[in-house]
C-alpha atoms as a PDB file:
ATOM      1  CA  UNK A   1     109.074 124.480  61.998  1.00  0.00           C
ATOM      2  CA  UNK A   2     108.658 127.862  60.273  1.00  0.00           C
ATOM      3  CA  UNK A   3     107.330 128.456  56.756  1.00  0.00           C
ATOM      4  CA  UNK A   4     109.392 130.799  54.581  1.00  0.00           C
ATOM      5  CA  UNK A   5     108.331 133.344  51.986  1.00  0.00           C
ATOM      6  CA  UNK A   6     109.698 132.958  48.430  1.00  0.00           C
ATOM      7  CA  UNK A   7     109.280 134.700  45.095  1.00  0.00           C
ATOM      8  CA  UNK A   8     106.782 133.399  42.561  1.00  0.00           C
ATOM      9  CA  UNK A   9     109.282 132.000  40.035  1.00  0.00           C
ATOM     10  CA  UNK A  10     111.467 130.240  42.601  1.00  0.00           C
ATOM     11  CA  UNK A  11     110.239 126.792  41.397  1.00  0.00           C
ATOM     12  CA  UNK A  12     112.341 127.247  38.254  1.00  0.00           C
ATOM     13  CA  UNK A  13     115.430 127.357  40.482  1.00  0.00           C
ATOM     14  CA  UNK A  14     114.398 124.038  42.064  1.00  0.00           C
ATOM     15  CA  UNK A  15     114.273 122.422  38.630  1.00  0.00           C
ATOM     16  CA  UNK A  16     117.752 123.742  37.826  1.00  0.00           C
ATOM     17  CA  UNK A  17     119.109 122.274  41.082  1.00  0.00           C
ATOM     18  CA  UNK A  18     117.333 118.999  40.316  1.00  0.00           C
ATOM     19  CA  UNK A  19     119.172 118.656  37.004  1.00  0.00           C
ATOM     20  CA  UNK A  20     122.487 119.075  38.842  1.00  0.00           C
ATOM     21  CA  UNK A  21     121.522 116.279  41.243  1.00  0.00           C
ATOM     22  CA  UNK A  22     120.544 114.074  38.321  1.00  0.00           C
ATOM     23  CA  UNK A  23     123.930 114.660  36.698  1.00  0.00           C
ATOM     24  CA  UNK A  24     125.799 113.811  39.903  1.00  0.00           C
ATOM     25  CA  UNK A  25     123.807 110.638  40.619  1.00  0.00           C
ATOM     26  CA  UNK A  26     122.067 109.535  37.402  1.00  0.00           C
ATOM     27  CA  UNK A  27     121.647 105.836  38.224  1.00  0.00           C
ATOM     28  CA  UNK A  28     119.380 106.398  41.211  1.00  0.00           C
ATOM     29  CA  UNK A  29     117.223 108.872  39.308  1.00  0.00           C
ATOM     30  CA  UNK A  30     116.777 106.707  36.237  1.00  0.00           C
ATOM     31  CA  UNK A  31     115.976 103.691  38.428  1.00  0.00           C
ATOM     32  CA  UNK A  32     113.196 105.586  40.178  1.00  0.00           C
ATOM     33  CA  UNK A  33     111.778 106.716  36.850  1.00  0.00           C
ATOM     34  CA  UNK A  34     112.056 103.224  35.401  1.00  0.00           C
ATOM     35  CA  UNK A  35     110.169 101.690  38.321  1.00  0.00           C
ATOM     36  CA  UNK A  36     107.252 104.091  37.998  1.00  0.00           C
ATOM     37  CA  UNK A  37     107.262 103.824  34.182  1.00  0.00           C
ATOM     38  CA  UNK A  38     107.107 100.018  34.317  1.00  0.00           C
ATOM     39  CA  UNK A  39     104.445  99.974  37.025  1.00  0.00           C
ATOM     40  CA  UNK A  40     102.350 102.714  35.430  1.00  0.00           C
ATOM     41  CA  UNK A  41     102.743 101.420  31.877  1.00  0.00           C
ATOM     42  CA  UNK A  42     102.006  97.847  32.919  1.00  0.00           C
ATOM     43  CA  UNK A  43      98.868  98.795  34.839  1.00  0.00           C
ATOM     44  CA  UNK A  44      97.683 101.004  31.991  1.00  0.00           C
ATOM     45  CA  UNK A  45      98.147  98.187  29.475  1.00  0.00           C
ATOM     46  CA  UNK A  46      96.267  95.788  31.729  1.00  0.00           C
ATOM     47  CA  UNK A  47      93.328  98.189  32.136  1.00  0.00           C
ATOM     48  CA  UNK A  48      93.431  99.914  28.731  1.00  0.00           C
ATOM     49  CA  UNK A  49      89.835  98.983  27.769  1.00  0.00           C
ATOM     50  CA  UNK A  50      88.213 100.011  31.066  1.00  0.00           C
ATOM     51  CA  UNK A  51      88.201 103.722  31.901  1.00  0.00           C
ATOM     52  CA  UNK A  52      87.531 103.292  35.610  1.00  0.00           C
ATOM     53  CA  UNK A  53      90.343 100.785  35.999  1.00  0.00           C
ATOM     54  CA  UNK A  54      92.641 103.259  34.252  1.00  0.00           C
ATOM     55  CA  UNK A  55      91.510 105.991  36.646  1.00  0.00           C
ATOM     56  CA  UNK A  56      92.145 103.674  39.594  1.00  0.00           C
ATOM     57  CA  UNK A  57      95.601 102.740  38.299  1.00  0.00           C
ATOM     58  CA  UNK A  58      96.579 106.374  37.780  1.00  0.00           C
ATOM     59  CA  UNK A  59      95.373 107.146  41.292  1.00  0.00           C
ATOM     60  CA  UNK A  60      97.559 104.332  42.577  1.00  0.00           C
ATOM     61  CA  UNK A  61     100.564 105.801  40.762  1.00  0.00           C
ATOM     62  CA  UNK A  62      99.863 109.178  42.370  1.00  0.00           C
ATOM     63  CA  UNK A  63     100.044 107.433  45.748  1.00  0.00           C
ATOM     64  CA  UNK A  64     103.221 105.526  44.949  1.00  0.00           C
ATOM     65  CA  UNK A  65     105.093 108.497  43.448  1.00  0.00           C
ATOM     66  CA  UNK A  66     105.427 110.642  46.631  1.00  0.00           C
ATOM     67  CA  UNK A  67     106.509 107.618  48.662  1.00  0.00           C
ATOM     68  CA  UNK A  68     108.895 106.422  45.949  1.00  0.00           C
ATOM     69  CA  UNK A  69     110.429 109.913  45.916  1.00  0.00           C
ATOM     70  CA  UNK A  70     111.766 109.388  49.444  1.00  0.00           C
ATOM     71  CA  UNK A  71     114.750 107.692  47.833  1.00  0.00           C
ATOM     72  CA  UNK A  72     115.405 110.752  45.690  1.00  0.00           C
ATOM     73  CA  UNK A  73     115.069 113.001  48.733  1.00  0.00           C
ATOM     74  CA  UNK A  74     117.771 110.980  50.452  1.00  0.00           C
ATOM     75  CA  UNK A  75     120.020 111.264  47.408  1.00  0.00           C
ATOM     76  CA  UNK A  76     119.609 115.060  47.309  1.00  0.00           C
ATOM     77  CA  UNK A  77     120.146 115.309  51.052  1.00  0.00           C
ATOM     78  CA  UNK A  78     123.425 113.422  50.832  1.00  0.00           C
ATOM     79  CA  UNK A  79     124.586 115.396  47.798  1.00  0.00           C
ATOM     80  CA  UNK A  80     124.014 118.724  49.523  1.00  0.00           C
ATOM     81  CA  UNK A  81     126.323 117.512  52.287  1.00  0.00           C
ATOM     82  CA  UNK A  82     128.926 116.467  49.693  1.00  0.00           C
ATOM     83  CA  UNK A  83     128.528 112.851  50.787  1.00  0.00           C
ATOM     84  CA  UNK A  84     128.555 109.817  48.516  1.00  0.00           C
ATOM     85  CA  UNK A  85     125.061 109.036  47.228  1.00  0.00           C
ATOM     86  CA  UNK A  86     124.164 105.678  45.703  1.00  0.00           C
ATOM     87  CA  UNK A  87     121.092 103.666  44.823  1.00  0.00           C
ATOM     88  CA  UNK A  88     121.699 101.658  47.997  1.00  0.00           C
ATOM     89  CA  UNK A  89     121.036 104.788  50.051  1.00  0.00           C
ATOM     90  CA  UNK A  90     117.669 105.178  48.328  1.00  0.00           C
ATOM     91  CA  UNK A  91     116.782 101.529  48.958  1.00  0.00           C
ATOM     92  CA  UNK A  92     117.647 101.978  52.620  1.00  0.00           C
ATOM     93  CA  UNK A  93     115.059 104.748  52.955  1.00  0.00           C
ATOM     94  CA  UNK A  94     112.398 102.629  51.230  1.00  0.00           C
ATOM     95  CA  UNK A  95     112.931  99.824  53.738  1.00  0.00           C
ATOM     96  CA  UNK A  96     113.323 101.949  56.875  1.00  0.00           C
ATOM     97  CA  UNK A  97     109.879 100.919  58.142  1.00  0.00           C
ATOM     98  CA  UNK A  98     108.937 104.398  59.390  1.00  0.00           C
ATOM     99  CA  UNK A  99     105.329 103.961  60.545  1.00  0.00           C
ATOM    100  CA  UNK A 100     104.634 107.667  60.022  1.00  0.00           C
ATOM    101  CA  UNK A 101     105.322 107.298  56.300  1.00  0.00           C
ATOM    102  CA  UNK A 102     103.071 104.242  56.201  1.00  0.00           C
ATOM    103  CA  UNK A 103     100.262 106.163  57.906  1.00  0.00           C
ATOM    104  CA  UNK A 104     100.723 109.083  55.548  1.00  0.00           C
ATOM    105  CA  UNK A 105     100.607 106.700  52.584  1.00  0.00           C
ATOM    106  CA  UNK A 106      97.275 105.372  53.869  1.00  0.00           C
ATOM    107  CA  UNK A 107      95.931 108.934  54.027  1.00  0.00           C
ATOM    108  CA  UNK A 108      96.978 109.462  50.403  1.00  0.00           C
ATOM    109  CA  UNK A 109      95.244 106.216  49.462  1.00  0.00           C
ATOM    110  CA  UNK A 110      92.008 107.321  51.124  1.00  0.00           C
ATOM    111  CA  UNK A 111      92.127 110.679  49.331  1.00  0.00           C
ATOM    112  CA  UNK A 112      92.707 109.032  45.953  1.00  0.00           C
ATOM    113  CA  UNK A 113      89.926 106.538  46.595  1.00  0.00           C
ATOM    114  CA  UNK A 114      87.629 109.435  47.510  1.00  0.00           C
ATOM    115  CA  UNK A 115      88.363 111.160  44.199  1.00  0.00           C
ATOM    116  CA  UNK A 116      87.647 107.960  42.280  1.00  0.00           C
ATOM    117  CA  UNK A 117      84.350 107.336  44.062  1.00  0.00           C
ATOM    118  CA  UNK A 118      83.213 110.960  43.636  1.00  0.00           C
ATOM    119  CA  UNK A 119      84.127 110.912  39.933  1.00  0.00           C
ATOM    120  CA  UNK A 120      82.207 107.695  39.320  1.00  0.00           C
ATOM    121  CA  UNK A 121      79.184 108.961  41.242  1.00  0.00           C
ATOM    122  CA  UNK A 122      79.155 112.276  39.372  1.00  0.00           C
ATOM    123  CA  UNK A 123      79.446 110.717  35.917  1.00  0.00           C
ATOM    124  CA  UNK A 124      76.833 108.030  36.541  1.00  0.00           C
ATOM    125  CA  UNK A 125      74.456 110.580  38.075  1.00  0.00           C
ATOM    126  CA  UNK A 126      74.636 113.108  35.232  1.00  0.00           C
ATOM    127  CA  UNK A 127      74.939 110.780  32.227  1.00  0.00           C
ATOM    128  CA  UNK A 128      72.140 108.670  30.786  1.00  0.00           C
ATOM    129  CA  UNK A 129      74.733 106.396  29.172  1.00  0.00           C
ATOM    130  CA  UNK A 130      77.345 104.549  31.161  1.00  0.00           C
ATOM    131  CA  UNK A 131      81.051 105.235  30.735  1.00  0.00           C
ATOM    132  CA  UNK A 132      83.019 102.014  30.294  1.00  0.00           C
ATOM    133  CA  UNK A 133      85.949 102.685  27.972  1.00  0.00           C
ATOM    134  CA  UNK A 134      88.326 105.648  27.576  1.00  0.00           C
ATOM    135  CA  UNK A 135      86.550 106.409  24.286  1.00  0.00           C
ATOM    136  CA  UNK A 136      83.241 106.630  26.171  1.00  0.00           C
ATOM    137  CA  UNK A 137      84.706 109.148  28.609  1.00  0.00           C
ATOM    138  CA  UNK A 138      86.184 111.209  25.785  1.00  0.00           C
ATOM    139  CA  UNK A 139      82.942 111.194  23.771  1.00  0.00           C
ATOM    140  CA  UNK A 140      80.375 111.569  26.539  1.00  0.00           C
ATOM    141  CA  UNK A 141      82.236 113.747  29.042  1.00  0.00           C
ATOM    142  CA  UNK A 142      85.124 115.644  27.444  1.00  0.00           C
ATOM    143  CA  UNK A 143      83.623 116.291  23.988  1.00  0.00           C
ATOM    144  CA  UNK A 144      79.993 116.760  24.957  1.00  0.00           C
ATOM    145  CA  UNK A 145      78.454 119.789  23.181  1.00  0.00           C
ATOM    146  CA  UNK A 146      76.772 121.233  26.282  1.00  0.00           C
ATOM    147  CA  UNK A 147      78.534 122.861  29.197  1.00  0.00           C
ATOM    148  CA  UNK A 148      78.170 121.107  32.500  1.00  0.00           C
ATOM    149  CA  UNK A 149      79.524 117.673  33.299  1.00  0.00           C
ATOM    150  CA  UNK A 150      83.134 118.052  32.210  1.00  0.00           C
ATOM    151  CA  UNK A 151      83.469 121.452  33.865  1.00  0.00           C
ATOM    152  CA  UNK A 152      81.927 120.165  37.102  1.00  0.00           C
ATOM    153  CA  UNK A 153      84.203 117.108  37.004  1.00  0.00           C
ATOM    154  CA  UNK A 154      87.310 119.276  36.541  1.00  0.00           C
ATOM    155  CA  UNK A 155      86.203 121.586  39.374  1.00  0.00           C
ATOM    156  CA  UNK A 156      85.512 118.650  41.687  1.00  0.00           C
ATOM    157  CA  UNK A 157      88.898 117.098  40.864  1.00  0.00           C
ATOM    158  CA  UNK A 158      90.630 120.405  41.579  1.00  0.00           C
ATOM    159  CA  UNK A 159      88.837 120.754  44.910  1.00  0.00           C
ATOM    160  CA  UNK A 160      90.091 117.309  45.915  1.00  0.00           C
ATOM    161  CA  UNK A 161      93.586 117.740  44.456  1.00  0.00           C
ATOM    162  CA  UNK A 162      94.244 121.120  46.101  1.00  0.00           C
ATOM    163  CA  UNK A 163      94.169 119.891  49.726  1.00  0.00           C
ATOM    164  CA  UNK A 164      96.158 116.802  48.710  1.00  0.00           C
ATOM    165  CA  UNK A 165      98.825 119.051  47.207  1.00  0.00           C
ATOM    166  CA  UNK A 166      98.862 121.282  50.287  1.00  0.00           C
ATOM    167  CA  UNK A 167      99.129 118.244  52.547  1.00  0.00           C
ATOM    168  CA  UNK A 168     102.010 116.606  50.666  1.00  0.00           C
ATOM    169  CA  UNK A 169     104.166 119.570  49.642  1.00  0.00           C
ATOM    170  CA  UNK A 170     106.851 119.256  52.342  1.00  0.00           C
ATOM    171  CA  UNK A 171     105.369 116.584  54.606  1.00  0.00           C
ATOM    172  CA  UNK A 172     107.539 113.604  53.643  1.00  0.00           C
ATOM    173  CA  UNK A 173     110.885 115.495  53.765  1.00  0.00           C
ATOM    174  CA  UNK A 174     109.872 116.854  57.188  1.00  0.00           C
ATOM    175  CA  UNK A 175     109.113 113.360  58.464  1.00  0.00           C
ATOM    176  CA  UNK A 176     112.427 112.083  57.099  1.00  0.00           C
ATOM    177  CA  UNK A 177     114.482 114.791  58.780  1.00  0.00           C
ATOM    178  CA  UNK A 178     112.623 115.011  62.073  1.00  0.00           C
ATOM    179  CA  UNK A 179     111.991 111.596  63.673  1.00  0.00           C
ATOM    180  CA  UNK A 180     110.004 113.141  66.562  1.00  0.00           C
ATOM    181  CA  UNK A 181     107.606 115.025  64.305  1.00  0.00           C
ATOM    182  CA  UNK A 182     104.069 113.660  63.965  1.00  0.00           C
ATOM    183  CA  UNK A 183     102.216 113.334  60.666  1.00  0.00           C
ATOM    184  CA  UNK A 184      99.734 115.985  61.808  1.00  0.00           C
ATOM    185  CA  UNK A 185     102.506 118.475  62.622  1.00  0.00           C
ATOM    186  CA  UNK A 186     104.190 117.897  59.271  1.00  0.00           C
ATOM    187  CA  UNK A 187     100.919 118.295  57.349  1.00  0.00           C
ATOM    188  CA  UNK A 188     100.071 121.524  59.207  1.00  0.00           C
ATOM    189  CA  UNK A 189     103.504 122.909  58.359  1.00  0.00           C
ATOM    190  CA  UNK A 190     102.919 122.012  54.710  1.00  0.00           C
ATOM    191  CA  UNK A 191      99.608 123.901  54.773  1.00  0.00           C
ATOM    192  CA  UNK A 192     101.288 126.953  56.313  1.00  0.00           C
ATOM    193  CA  UNK A 193     103.837 126.938  53.503  1.00  0.00           C
ATOM    194  CA  UNK A 194     101.092 126.963  50.876  1.00  0.00           C
ATOM    195  CA  UNK A 195      99.149 129.684  52.690  1.00  0.00           C
ATOM    196  CA  UNK A 196     102.243 131.899  52.847  1.00  0.00           C
ATOM    197  CA  UNK A 197     103.185 131.398  49.162  1.00  0.00           C
ATOM    198  CA  UNK A 198      99.946 130.946  47.164  1.00  0.00           C
ATOM    199  CA  UNK A 199     101.262 132.261  43.830  1.00  0.00           C
ATOM    200  CA  UNK A 200     104.559 130.377  43.947  1.00  0.00           C
ATOM    201  CA  UNK A 201     102.755 127.190  44.987  1.00  0.00           C
ATOM    202  CA  UNK A 202     100.245 127.611  42.161  1.00  0.00           C
ATOM    203  CA  UNK A 203     103.202 127.901  39.778  1.00  0.00           C
ATOM    204  CA  UNK A 204     104.804 124.784  41.276  1.00  0.00           C
ATOM    205  CA  UNK A 205     101.556 122.815  41.102  1.00  0.00           C
ATOM    206  CA  UNK A 206     101.204 123.792  37.450  1.00  0.00           C
ATOM    207  CA  UNK A 207     104.729 122.595  36.689  1.00  0.00           C
ATOM    208  CA  UNK A 208     104.076 119.297  38.478  1.00  0.00           C
ATOM    209  CA  UNK A 209     100.910 118.723  36.447  1.00  0.00           C
ATOM    210  CA  UNK A 210     102.590 119.714  33.179  1.00  0.00           C
ATOM    211  CA  UNK A 211     105.624 117.454  33.548  1.00  0.00           C
ATOM    212  CA  UNK A 212     103.551 114.578  34.901  1.00  0.00           C
ATOM    213  CA  UNK A 213     101.224 114.830  31.903  1.00  0.00           C
ATOM    214  CA  UNK A 214     104.232 114.880  29.548  1.00  0.00           C
ATOM    215  CA  UNK A 215     105.723 111.857  31.281  1.00  0.00           C
ATOM    216  CA  UNK A 216     102.523 109.822  31.080  1.00  0.00           C
ATOM    217  CA  UNK A 217     101.570 111.105  27.645  1.00  0.00           C
ATOM    218  CA  UNK A 218     104.853 109.878  26.169  1.00  0.00           C
ATOM    219  CA  UNK A 219     103.776 106.266  26.752  1.00  0.00           C
ATOM    220  CA  UNK A 220     105.297 106.569  30.242  1.00  0.00           C
ATOM    221  CA  UNK A 221     108.823 106.767  28.781  1.00  0.00           C
ATOM    222  CA  UNK A 222     109.144 110.403  29.779  1.00  0.00           C
ATOM    223  CA  UNK A 223     108.900 109.345  33.413  1.00  0.00           C
ATOM    224  CA  UNK A 224     112.532 108.203  33.181  1.00  0.00           C
ATOM    225  CA  UNK A 225     113.488 111.888  33.331  1.00  0.00           C
ATOM    226  CA  UNK A 226     110.387 113.451  34.877  1.00  0.00           C
ATOM    227  CA  UNK A 227     110.337 111.349  38.058  1.00  0.00           C
ATOM    228  CA  UNK A 228     113.926 112.111  39.161  1.00  0.00           C
ATOM    229  CA  UNK A 229     113.641 115.750  38.115  1.00  0.00           C
ATOM    230  CA  UNK A 230     110.468 116.365  40.121  1.00  0.00           C
ATOM    231  CA  UNK A 231     111.700 114.246  43.035  1.00  0.00           C
ATOM    232  CA  UNK A 232     114.979 116.124  43.422  1.00  0.00           C
ATOM    233  CA  UNK A 233     113.226 119.458  42.820  1.00  0.00           C
ATOM    234  CA  UNK A 234     110.731 118.667  45.581  1.00  0.00           C
ATOM    235  CA  UNK A 235     113.596 118.236  48.026  1.00  0.00           C
ATOM    236  CA  UNK A 236     115.020 121.620  47.087  1.00  0.00           C
ATOM    237  CA  UNK A 237     111.522 123.089  47.406  1.00  0.00           C
ATOM    238  CA  UNK A 238     111.415 121.798  50.972  1.00  0.00           C
ATOM    239  CA  UNK A 239     114.800 123.357  51.715  1.00  0.00           C
ATOM    240  CA  UNK A 240     113.590 126.727  50.421  1.00  0.00           C
ATOM    241  CA  UNK A 241     110.170 126.664  52.049  1.00  0.00           C
ATOM    242  CA  UNK A 242     110.902 125.461  55.579  1.00  0.00           C
ATOM    243  CA  UNK A 243     113.463 126.954  57.937  1.00  0.00           C
ATOM    244  CA  UNK A 244     116.091 124.412  58.914  1.00  0.00           C
ATOM    245  CA  UNK A 245     119.485 124.127  60.549  1.00  0.00           C
ATOM    246  CA  UNK A 246     121.817 121.759  58.713  1.00  0.00           C
ATOM    247  CA  UNK A 247     124.215 121.696  61.662  1.00  0.00           C
ATOM    248  CA  UNK A 248     121.483 120.132  63.755  1.00  0.00           C
ATOM    249  CA  UNK A 249     121.336 116.985  61.629  1.00  0.00           C
END
């Protein structure tokens, strides 16, 4: 597998292609968004008075989202071949039982758990008062008058998120298209892609964060559009970033 070089603003083209996929197969996209909106909104409502439960629930959603997107990848793959694409095709991918995807999901879970543990340890170490509710976190961490804790927390989160992003960028599409590929090989290819295109990948990461924040910040309703858009766009990102031969599949 060979990483390809792209221009910095290429991610905008992926979003444009994603909208075309959404128009051609809207039911599958909306269903994916609805599932994550219901799961995320329900968990948030359940844990709304406990900040650390909220953080754990959001981490869980970040694990589920890349794996849920496999259905959208399959839709985009079929559409690019001018084949019929339905929600049934997405369900088939979810239930394929590929052990490599399961193992990769466990790696994502460990990374998310590591971020949660590090965040809790940092906050409890640097704060005399305990953080229990979202209001506590906002008052004691985000709005504190002195520089220090919030900036360190953001830096620590970025240091954990960056390798997760590099490891997941094209890994799942690679595993879907190449049954003989190992998780390690797919992850290394994903890292090579990021190393070859640091500015474009920074732009893409920023767009992912922005749209995800908009989706969650709109009481999770925005996820109905954000999830399919980012899912389809991620497939087109894979097509642009990794050399492939369609005739071989």
